[in-house]
Amino acid sequence: QVQLVESGGGSVQAGDSLRLSCAVSARSVTSYVVAWFRQAPGKEREFVAAISGSGISTNYADSLKGRFTISRENAKAMVYLQMHNLIREDTATYYCAADEQSWFEIMRPGRGQKYAYWGQGTQVTVSS
């Protein structure tokens, strides 16, 4: 059983930074690719960033590259999403997701990233 618990959300001003955390409860944390997704009101859920089990490989939504950074500390079973220069359009519920399939399989073109485990989400609200 894998459990994911997000934290760190809140209300911030445009231009601020925020770091989200995802606590990963699993037998072997390094076996899981972990990703962040977000969903704004009235919009579909969208991919934000993903990181391989070792932390060596990362992938980002093109529109967020340079502002968001994903990282992990496997010794602490934590995955982070550092967000800089936040804008109103970043307002959303942010979800942590994990899957035990390989990085290669999850990122295979045309497959669409699929994750078996999801957290409850943490709300981020950016006001201008």
Foldseek 3Di string as FASTA:
>chain_A
DKAKAKDWADEEEQQAKTKMKIAIDDPQQLLKKKFKWWDDPPGDIGGAKIAHSVRPDMDGDPVQPPFWDWGDDRVRRMIMIIGGRDDQVVWTWMKMFIARDGPCVQPPPPPHHDGDDIYPTDTHGYHD
